Structure formats: structure tokens, C-alpha cells
Amino acid sequence: MAKKKNEILPVALVAATNSFSTTTEQYRTIRTNINFSSADKAIKTLVITSSGPDEGKSTTAANLAIVFAKAGSKVLLVDADLRKPSIAISFGLSNVNGLSNLLTNREAAIDDYYQTSEIENLYVMTSGPKPPNPSELLGSQRMIDLMRFMEEEFDVILYDMPPVAAVTDAQILAAHTDGTLLVVRERKTKKQEVIKAKELLTRAKANILGVVYNGKKNAESLGYYYG
């Protein structure tokens, strides 16, 4: 596995920088709710998306990956937002090679595209260079094959996806994963946008586990709700 150590993790990765904060505890609560959300099958693969931009989906995905890893699971965080990626920057990793390379090069060895993070048990696959056809790549048989291979290697896999109302990318992967989290932001996300996002995910037969309510301006800075 490719290895790249970063020296300082950004403040946005609060689950890594402050284990005792209220926000970190909320991420742990979300993790617990995910673990208990299905009685029949463990939730192993997750799509994290939002209805629109700048609602905190990537920050949520990164912090959830951290708390899963700190609980002892072998975790892979995949930046599947091939349009506006941010995970590489968040973790201080190189984005020269990533998911888009794997999807366009069938000879590539997948193990070479996992990068280690500063967090034990947490591996990251960055997005790679921006391709001209993200939806086609994510909807390819190659992507499905990669997803199944990664499921054999990791306990938990989180896919950070573009906003669901903007493009079809999140719908495509949500149909092939165990669950989907929808991130909304206080004073930004409109009710009709959430309704539209839910309709789009339901149409794709996504298993919507719940909503992460982000950006609340008090001590409880985010929450998790079913339904």
C-alpha cells in the first residue's frame, strides 16, 4: 500500500484533533446508530452525500471514517467526488493517483492506491485527476468490481460523493452500497431540496439510514436523525 504521512491534520478533522469535544462525541453517536441500524446485516459500505454544495458532507465522511477506525475497524475512505474532491487536502495526501486512475487503467494494482493516514486503521483512496466522464466511470462494471474487491479488504468503506441533486453520481453508488447518509446544513439547506434528494435516492433504491444535521450553532454542533 502506498504510504504518505502528513504532519498536521486540519481542525476540520475534529475527531482526530480533539477526542473529547462534543462534536467528536456526536460523530461517535452517528457511528453507533449506523452499527445498530440494521438487525439483519452489518452496514459495511456507506455513501455520504448532500442535497447541495457546502453542506459538510466531506467533513462528515472524514470524521466518521476516523471514529470508525478509532473503534478498531479497518476503514477505507474513498473520495468518489470526481468533480470537486477535497479528501486529499483534508488529510494532506497526494492526489496524483487515485480512484479515477484505477477506473481508467484496468492493469493498475488496487493495493498501490491505498494511502495511510495519521490515524491507525484508516486508509484513504483519493479521487485522482479529474476525468471528463465521472458518471460513466462510477457506473461502470469496473467500479462495481473494485467495490466488491475493497469489501474483502476492509471492515468499513465510506464513499464521499457529490451532492445528489446536482449529478447522478451518488445515486449510482448508493444502489450498490449498504446504506446512505444525507448531510444537511442549518440555515442553508432548504426543505424542498431535502425532499428532492430523498426522492432521487429512493428512486435509485438507496437504503437511506438517516440525516446528519450539520452546522447547528450551539454546543451540540451536529446530530443524527432517522426517517
C-alpha atoms as a PDB file:
ATOM      1  CA  MET A   1       0.000   0.000   0.000  1.00  0.00           C
ATOM      2  CA  ALA A   2       1.257   3.451  -0.877  1.00  0.00           C
ATOM      3  CA  LYS A   3       2.206   5.429   2.187  1.00  0.00           C
ATOM      4  CA  LYS A   4       2.138   9.148   2.766  1.00  0.00           C
ATOM      5  CA  LYS A   5       2.410  10.683   6.210  1.00  0.00           C
ATOM      6  CA  ASN A   6       1.070  14.156   6.860  1.00  0.00           C
ATOM      7  CA  GLU A   7       2.425  16.295   9.675  1.00  0.00           C
ATOM      8  CA  ILE A   8      -0.609  18.262  10.810  1.00  0.00           C
ATOM      9  CA  LEU A   9      -4.280  17.321  10.484  1.00  0.00           C
ATOM     10  CA  PRO A  10      -6.707  20.204   9.819  1.00  0.00           C
ATOM     11  CA  VAL A  11      -9.024  21.475  12.545  1.00  0.00           C
ATOM     12  CA  ALA A  12     -11.987  20.257  10.434  1.00  0.00           C
ATOM     13  CA  LEU A  13     -10.945  16.705  11.357  1.00  0.00           C
ATOM     14  CA  VAL A  14     -12.047  17.272  14.931  1.00  0.00           C
ATOM     15  CA  ALA A  15     -12.386  13.541  15.605  1.00  0.00           C
ATOM     16  CA  ALA A  16      -8.617  13.305  15.133  1.00  0.00           C
ATOM     17  CA  THR A  17      -7.549  16.514  16.855  1.00  0.00           C
ATOM     18  CA  ASN A  18      -9.933  16.596  19.843  1.00  0.00           C
ATOM     19  CA  SER A  19     -11.244  13.258  21.084  1.00  0.00           C
ATOM     20  CA  PHE A  20     -13.104  14.882  23.991  1.00  0.00           C
ATOM     21  CA  SER A  21     -15.096  17.526  22.103  1.00  0.00           C
ATOM     22  CA  THR A  22     -18.892  17.487  21.922  1.00  0.00           C
ATOM     23  CA  THR A  23     -18.678  17.292  18.136  1.00  0.00           C
ATOM     24  CA  THR A  24     -16.454  14.207  18.253  1.00  0.00           C
ATOM     25  CA  GLU A  25     -18.901  12.552  20.629  1.00  0.00           C
ATOM     26  CA  GLN A  26     -21.694  13.295  18.154  1.00  0.00           C
ATOM     27  CA  TYR A  27     -19.731  11.537  15.410  1.00  0.00           C
ATOM     28  CA  ARG A  28     -19.367   8.553  17.737  1.00  0.00           C
ATOM     29  CA  THR A  29     -23.137   8.608  18.251  1.00  0.00           C
ATOM     30  CA  ILE A  30     -23.665   8.557  14.483  1.00  0.00           C
ATOM     31  CA  ARG A  31     -21.268   5.603  14.249  1.00  0.00           C
ATOM     32  CA  THR A  32     -23.215   3.748  16.918  1.00  0.00           C
ATOM     33  CA  ASN A  33     -26.542   4.460  15.224  1.00  0.00           C
ATOM     34  CA  ILE A  34     -25.163   3.170  11.927  1.00  0.00           C
ATOM     35  CA  ASN A  35     -23.942  -0.020  13.584  1.00  0.00           C
ATOM     36  CA  PHE A  36     -27.392  -0.653  15.062  1.00  0.00           C
ATOM     37  CA  SER A  37     -29.416   0.498  12.058  1.00  0.00           C
ATOM     38  CA  SER A  38     -29.792  -2.985  10.584  1.00  0.00           C
ATOM     39  CA  ALA A  39     -30.711  -6.116  12.502  1.00  0.00           C
ATOM     40  CA  ASP A  40     -30.205  -8.462   9.556  1.00  0.00           C
ATOM     41  CA  LYS A  41     -26.940  -7.279   8.007  1.00  0.00           C
ATOM     42  CA  ALA A  42     -23.978  -5.221   9.173  1.00  0.00           C
ATOM     43  CA  ILE A  43     -23.636  -1.850   7.466  1.00  0.00           C
ATOM     44  CA  LYS A  44     -20.233  -2.122   5.822  1.00  0.00           C
ATOM     45  CA  THR A  45     -20.373   0.235   2.831  1.00  0.00           C
ATOM     46  CA  LEU A  46     -21.695   3.794   3.104  1.00  0.00           C
ATOM     47  CA  VAL A  47     -22.381   6.627   0.689  1.00  0.00           C
ATOM     48  CA  ILE A  48     -22.146  10.113   2.212  1.00  0.00           C
ATOM     49  CA  THR A  49     -23.882  12.802   0.173  1.00  0.00           C
ATOM     50  CA  SER A  50     -25.885  16.023   0.491  1.00  0.00           C
ATOM     51  CA  SER A  51     -28.614  17.784  -1.444  1.00  0.00           C
ATOM     52  CA  GLY A  52     -26.357  20.680  -2.470  1.00  0.00           C
ATOM     53  CA  PRO A  53     -22.803  22.017  -2.131  1.00  0.00           C
ATOM     54  CA  ASP A  54     -21.110  23.282   1.049  1.00  0.00           C
ATOM     55  CA  GLU A  55     -23.301  21.343   3.465  1.00  0.00           C
ATOM     56  CA  GLY A  56     -20.469  19.441   5.138  1.00  0.00           C
ATOM     57  CA  LYS A  57     -20.628  16.014   3.507  1.00  0.00           C
ATOM     58  CA  SER A  58     -16.856  15.624   3.070  1.00  0.00           C
ATOM     59  CA  THR A  59     -16.119  16.757   6.626  1.00  0.00           C
ATOM     60  CA  THR A  60     -18.759  14.335   7.882  1.00  0.00           C
ATOM     61  CA  ALA A  61     -17.335  11.468   5.825  1.00  0.00           C
ATOM     62  CA  ALA A  62     -13.778  12.144   7.029  1.00  0.00           C
ATOM     63  CA  ASN A  63     -14.700  12.381  10.710  1.00  0.00           C
ATOM     64  CA  LEU A  64     -16.907   9.304  10.547  1.00  0.00           C
ATOM     65  CA  ALA A  65     -14.040   7.384   8.973  1.00  0.00           C
ATOM     66  CA  ILE A  66     -11.817   8.478  11.862  1.00  0.00           C
ATOM     67  CA  VAL A  67     -14.206   7.377  14.627  1.00  0.00           C
ATOM     68  CA  PHE A  68     -14.802   4.022  12.914  1.00  0.00           C
ATOM     69  CA  ALA A  69     -11.037   3.499  12.697  1.00  0.00           C
ATOM     70  CA  LYS A  70     -10.501   4.522  16.311  1.00  0.00           C
ATOM     71  CA  ALA A  71     -13.069   1.905  17.325  1.00  0.00           C
ATOM     72  CA  GLY A  72     -10.823  -0.769  15.819  1.00  0.00           C
ATOM     73  CA  SER A  73     -12.319  -1.269  12.354  1.00  0.00           C
ATOM     74  CA  LYS A  74     -10.086  -1.370   9.303  1.00  0.00           C
ATOM     75  CA  VAL A  75     -11.532   1.574   7.368  1.00  0.00           C
ATOM     76  CA  LEU A  76     -11.192   2.864   3.825  1.00  0.00           C
ATOM     77  CA  LEU A  77     -12.319   6.398   2.987  1.00  0.00           C
ATOM     78  CA  VAL A  78     -12.836   6.778  -0.772  1.00  0.00           C
ATOM     79  CA  ASP A  79     -13.080  10.217  -2.353  1.00  0.00           C
ATOM     80  CA  ALA A  80     -15.596   9.350  -5.068  1.00  0.00           C
ATOM     81  CA  ASP A  81     -16.362  13.012  -5.700  1.00  0.00           C
ATOM     82  CA  LEU A  82     -14.521  13.099  -9.014  1.00  0.00           C
ATOM     83  CA  ARG A  83     -15.820  16.599  -9.754  1.00  0.00           C
ATOM     84  CA  LYS A  84     -14.846  18.617  -6.662  1.00  0.00           C
ATOM     85  CA  PRO A  85     -12.622  16.394  -4.492  1.00  0.00           C
ATOM     86  CA  SER A  86     -11.398  17.504  -1.068  1.00  0.00           C
ATOM     87  CA  ILE A  87     -10.323  14.440   0.921  1.00  0.00           C
ATOM     88  CA  ALA A  88      -6.677  14.599  -0.221  1.00  0.00           C
ATOM     89  CA  ILE A  89      -6.406  18.188   1.019  1.00  0.00           C
ATOM     90  CA  SER A  90      -8.115  17.350   4.322  1.00  0.00           C
ATOM     91  CA  PHE A  91      -5.598  14.618   5.099  1.00  0.00           C
ATOM     92  CA  GLY A  92      -2.585  16.261   3.476  1.00  0.00           C
ATOM     93  CA  LEU A  93      -2.181  13.481   0.917  1.00  0.00           C
ATOM     94  CA  SER A  94      -1.076  13.378  -2.694  1.00  0.00           C
ATOM     95  CA  ASN A  95      -3.838  13.236  -5.299  1.00  0.00           C
ATOM     96  CA  VAL A  96      -1.661  12.328  -8.270  1.00  0.00           C
ATOM     97  CA  ASN A  97      -3.028   8.791  -8.297  1.00  0.00           C
ATOM     98  CA  GLY A  98      -6.441   7.769  -7.056  1.00  0.00           C
ATOM     99  CA  LEU A  99      -9.837   6.351  -7.951  1.00  0.00           C
ATOM    100  CA  SER A 100     -10.007   7.846 -11.440  1.00  0.00           C
ATOM    101  CA  ASN A 101      -6.681   6.190 -12.323  1.00  0.00           C
ATOM    102  CA  LEU A 102      -7.971   2.818 -11.173  1.00  0.00           C
ATOM    103  CA  LEU A 103     -11.150   3.207 -13.195  1.00  0.00           C
ATOM    104  CA  THR A 104      -9.357   4.093 -16.402  1.00  0.00           C
ATOM    105  CA  ASN A 105      -6.461   1.636 -16.097  1.00  0.00           C
ATOM    106  CA  ARG A 106      -7.544  -1.980 -15.790  1.00  0.00           C
ATOM    107  CA  GLU A 107      -3.937  -3.064 -15.298  1.00  0.00           C
ATOM    108  CA  ALA A 108      -3.494  -0.933 -12.167  1.00  0.00           C
ATOM    109  CA  ALA A 109      -2.943  -2.819  -8.891  1.00  0.00           C
ATOM    110  CA  ILE A 110      -5.542  -1.584  -6.422  1.00  0.00           C
ATOM    111  CA  ASP A 111      -3.254  -2.052  -3.398  1.00  0.00           C
ATOM    112  CA  ASP A 112      -0.978   0.674  -4.789  1.00  0.00           C
ATOM    113  CA  TYR A 113      -3.762   3.240  -4.463  1.00  0.00           C
ATOM    114  CA  TYR A 114      -4.481   2.983  -0.732  1.00  0.00           C
ATOM    115  CA  GLN A 115      -2.667   5.655   1.280  1.00  0.00           C
ATOM    116  CA  THR A 116      -2.159   5.517   5.024  1.00  0.00           C
ATOM    117  CA  SER A 117      -3.267   8.389   7.212  1.00  0.00           C
ATOM    118  CA  GLU A 118      -2.092   9.607  10.607  1.00  0.00           C
ATOM    119  CA  ILE A 119      -4.955   7.572  12.098  1.00  0.00           C
ATOM    120  CA  GLU A 120      -4.285   3.923  12.852  1.00  0.00           C
ATOM    121  CA  ASN A 121      -6.535   1.572  10.833  1.00  0.00           C
ATOM    122  CA  LEU A 122      -7.623   4.368   8.475  1.00  0.00           C
ATOM    123  CA  TYR A 123      -6.671   4.217   4.789  1.00  0.00           C
ATOM    124  CA  VAL A 124      -7.602   6.752   2.141  1.00  0.00           C
ATOM    125  CA  MET A 125      -8.174   6.440  -1.584  1.00  0.00           C
ATOM    126  CA  THR A 126      -8.118   9.922  -3.093  1.00  0.00           C
ATOM    127  CA  SER A 127     -10.070  10.864  -6.210  1.00  0.00           C
ATOM    128  CA  GLY A 128      -7.134  11.104  -8.603  1.00  0.00           C
ATOM    129  CA  PRO A 129      -7.109  13.502 -11.595  1.00  0.00           C
ATOM    130  CA  LYS A 130     -10.489  14.886 -12.652  1.00  0.00           C
ATOM    131  CA  PRO A 131     -11.900  12.822 -15.557  1.00  0.00           C
ATOM    132  CA  PRO A 132     -14.199  14.157 -18.293  1.00  0.00           C
ATOM    133  CA  ASN A 133     -16.859  11.492 -17.630  1.00  0.00           C
ATOM    134  CA  PRO A 134     -17.321  10.904 -13.857  1.00  0.00           C
ATOM    135  CA  SER A 135     -20.817   9.388 -14.032  1.00  0.00           C
ATOM    136  CA  GLU A 136     -19.834   6.895 -16.707  1.00  0.00           C
ATOM    137  CA  LEU A 137     -16.773   5.797 -14.728  1.00  0.00           C
ATOM    138  CA  LEU A 138     -18.702   5.394 -11.467  1.00  0.00           C
ATOM    139  CA  GLY A 139     -21.445   3.460 -13.251  1.00  0.00           C
ATOM    140  CA  SER A 140     -19.053   1.069 -14.950  1.00  0.00           C
ATOM    141  CA  GLN A 141     -18.614  -2.633 -14.262  1.00  0.00           C
ATOM    142  CA  ARG A 142     -15.024  -1.789 -13.359  1.00  0.00           C
ATOM    143  CA  MET A 143     -16.286   0.328 -10.437  1.00  0.00           C
ATOM    144  CA  ILE A 144     -18.569  -2.441  -9.198  1.00  0.00           C
ATOM    145  CA  ASP A 145     -15.691  -4.928  -9.383  1.00  0.00           C
ATOM    146  CA  LEU A 146     -13.442  -2.555  -7.420  1.00  0.00           C
ATOM    147  CA  MET A 147     -16.112  -2.059  -4.776  1.00  0.00           C
ATOM    148  CA  ARG A 148     -16.503  -5.794  -4.267  1.00  0.00           C
ATOM    149  CA  PHE A 149     -12.723  -6.256  -4.056  1.00  0.00           C
ATOM    150  CA  MET A 150     -12.426  -3.497  -1.435  1.00  0.00           C
ATOM    151  CA  GLU A 151     -15.202  -5.063   0.619  1.00  0.00           C
ATOM    152  CA  GLU A 152     -12.980  -8.118   1.022  1.00  0.00           C
ATOM    153  CA  GLU A 153     -10.088  -5.980   2.270  1.00  0.00           C
ATOM    154  CA  PHE A 154     -11.801  -3.605   4.715  1.00  0.00           C
ATOM    155  CA  ASP A 155     -14.343  -3.709   7.551  1.00  0.00           C
ATOM    156  CA  VAL A 156     -15.912  -0.344   6.701  1.00  0.00           C
ATOM    157  CA  ILE A 157     -15.804   1.657   3.454  1.00  0.00           C
ATOM    158  CA  LEU A 158     -17.120   5.213   3.198  1.00  0.00           C
ATOM    159  CA  TYR A 159     -17.667   6.882  -0.181  1.00  0.00           C
ATOM    160  CA  ASP A 160     -17.669  10.676  -0.222  1.00  0.00           C
ATOM    161  CA  MET A 161     -19.951  11.582  -3.154  1.00  0.00           C
ATOM    162  CA  PRO A 162     -21.045  14.782  -4.948  1.00  0.00           C
ATOM    163  CA  PRO A 163     -24.386  16.365  -3.968  1.00  0.00           C
ATOM    164  CA  VAL A 164     -27.213  14.118  -5.092  1.00  0.00           C
ATOM    165  CA  ALA A 165     -29.422  16.852  -6.569  1.00  0.00           C
ATOM    166  CA  ALA A 166     -26.667  18.159  -8.830  1.00  0.00           C
ATOM    167  CA  VAL A 167     -25.461  14.994 -10.594  1.00  0.00           C
ATOM    168  CA  THR A 168     -26.326  11.284 -10.664  1.00  0.00           C
ATOM    169  CA  ASP A 169     -23.032  10.036  -9.146  1.00  0.00           C
ATOM    170  CA  ALA A 170     -24.349   9.485  -5.616  1.00  0.00           C
ATOM    171  CA  GLN A 171     -27.423   7.651  -6.893  1.00  0.00           C
ATOM    172  CA  ILE A 172     -25.231   5.305  -8.913  1.00  0.00           C
ATOM    173  CA  LEU A 173     -23.102   4.189  -5.961  1.00  0.00           C
ATOM    174  CA  ALA A 174     -25.934   4.298  -3.422  1.00  0.00           C
ATOM    175  CA  ALA A 175     -27.625   1.476  -5.334  1.00  0.00           C
ATOM    176  CA  HIS A 176     -24.597  -0.754  -4.670  1.00  0.00           C
ATOM    177  CA  THR A 177     -23.867   0.060  -1.009  1.00  0.00           C
ATOM    178  CA  ASP A 178     -25.398  -0.964   2.311  1.00  0.00           C
ATOM    179  CA  GLY A 179     -26.524   2.491   3.357  1.00  0.00           C
ATOM    180  CA  THR A 180     -26.634   6.205   2.559  1.00  0.00           C
ATOM    181  CA  LEU A 181     -26.327   9.230   4.836  1.00  0.00           C
ATOM    182  CA  LEU A 182     -27.714  12.574   3.711  1.00  0.00           C
ATOM    183  CA  VAL A 183     -25.980  15.638   5.173  1.00  0.00           C
ATOM    184  CA  VAL A 184     -27.964  18.859   5.571  1.00  0.00           C
ATOM    185  CA  ARG A 185     -26.829  22.195   6.967  1.00  0.00           C
ATOM    186  CA  GLU A 186     -28.692  24.545   9.256  1.00  0.00           C
ATOM    187  CA  ARG A 187     -29.665  27.867   7.658  1.00  0.00           C
ATOM    188  CA  LYS A 188     -28.522  26.639   4.255  1.00  0.00           C
ATOM    189  CA  THR A 189     -30.382  23.503   3.148  1.00  0.00           C
ATOM    190  CA  LYS A 190     -33.969  24.184   2.110  1.00  0.00           C
ATOM    191  CA  LYS A 191     -36.795  21.769   2.875  1.00  0.00           C
ATOM    192  CA  GLN A 192     -37.658  21.241  -0.785  1.00  0.00           C
ATOM    193  CA  GLU A 193     -34.020  20.389  -1.514  1.00  0.00           C
ATOM    194  CA  VAL A 194     -34.041  17.658   1.132  1.00  0.00           C
ATOM    195  CA  ILE A 195     -37.304  16.283  -0.246  1.00  0.00           C
ATOM    196  CA  LYS A 196     -35.856  16.212  -3.764  1.00  0.00           C
ATOM    197  CA  ALA A 197     -32.670  14.498  -2.553  1.00  0.00           C
ATOM    198  CA  LYS A 198     -34.711  11.853  -0.723  1.00  0.00           C
ATOM    199  CA  GLU A 199     -36.833  11.228  -3.833  1.00  0.00           C
ATOM    200  CA  LEU A 200     -33.754  10.816  -6.019  1.00  0.00           C
ATOM    201  CA  LEU A 201     -32.098   8.391  -3.601  1.00  0.00           C
ATOM    202  CA  THR A 202     -35.317   6.422  -3.117  1.00  0.00           C
ATOM    203  CA  ARG A 203     -35.687   6.145  -6.891  1.00  0.00           C
ATOM    204  CA  ALA A 204     -32.175   4.677  -7.006  1.00  0.00           C
ATOM    205  CA  LYS A 205     -33.224   2.116  -4.348  1.00  0.00           C
ATOM    206  CA  ALA A 206     -30.748   3.550  -1.845  1.00  0.00           C
ATOM    207  CA  ASN A 207     -31.035   2.429   1.769  1.00  0.00           C
ATOM    208  CA  ILE A 208     -31.293   5.851   3.434  1.00  0.00           C
ATOM    209  CA  LEU A 209     -30.134   5.370   7.019  1.00  0.00           C
ATOM    210  CA  GLY A 210     -30.830   8.916   8.120  1.00  0.00           C
ATOM    211  CA  VAL A 211     -29.859  12.569   8.028  1.00  0.00           C
ATOM    212  CA  VAL A 212     -26.858  14.278   9.594  1.00  0.00           C
ATOM    213  CA  TYR A 213     -27.922  17.740  10.725  1.00  0.00           C
ATOM    214  CA  ASN A 214     -24.805  19.871  10.416  1.00  0.00           C
ATOM    215  CA  GLY A 215     -23.795  23.394  11.476  1.00  0.00           C
ATOM    216  CA  LYS A 216     -26.092  23.865  14.454  1.00  0.00           C
ATOM    217  CA  LYS A 217     -24.988  26.970  16.349  1.00  0.00           C
ATOM    218  CA  ASN A 218     -24.828  25.634  19.872  1.00  0.00           C
ATOM    219  CA  ALA A 219     -22.886  23.090  21.933  1.00  0.00           C
ATOM    220  CA  GLU A 220     -24.430  20.199  20.028  1.00  0.00           C
ATOM    221  CA  SER A 221     -22.977  21.103  16.659  1.00  0.00           C
ATOM    222  CA  LEU A 222     -24.447  18.220  14.705  1.00  0.00           C
ATOM    223  CA  GLY A 223     -26.981  15.499  15.166  1.00  0.00           C
ATOM    224  CA  TYR A 224     -28.334  12.338  13.644  1.00  0.00           C
ATOM    225  CA  TYR A 225     -31.949  11.577  12.859  1.00  0.00           C
ATOM    226  CA  TYR A 226     -33.802   8.651  11.331  1.00  0.00           C
ATOM    227  CA  GLY A 227     -36.514   8.998   8.735  1.00  0.00           C
END
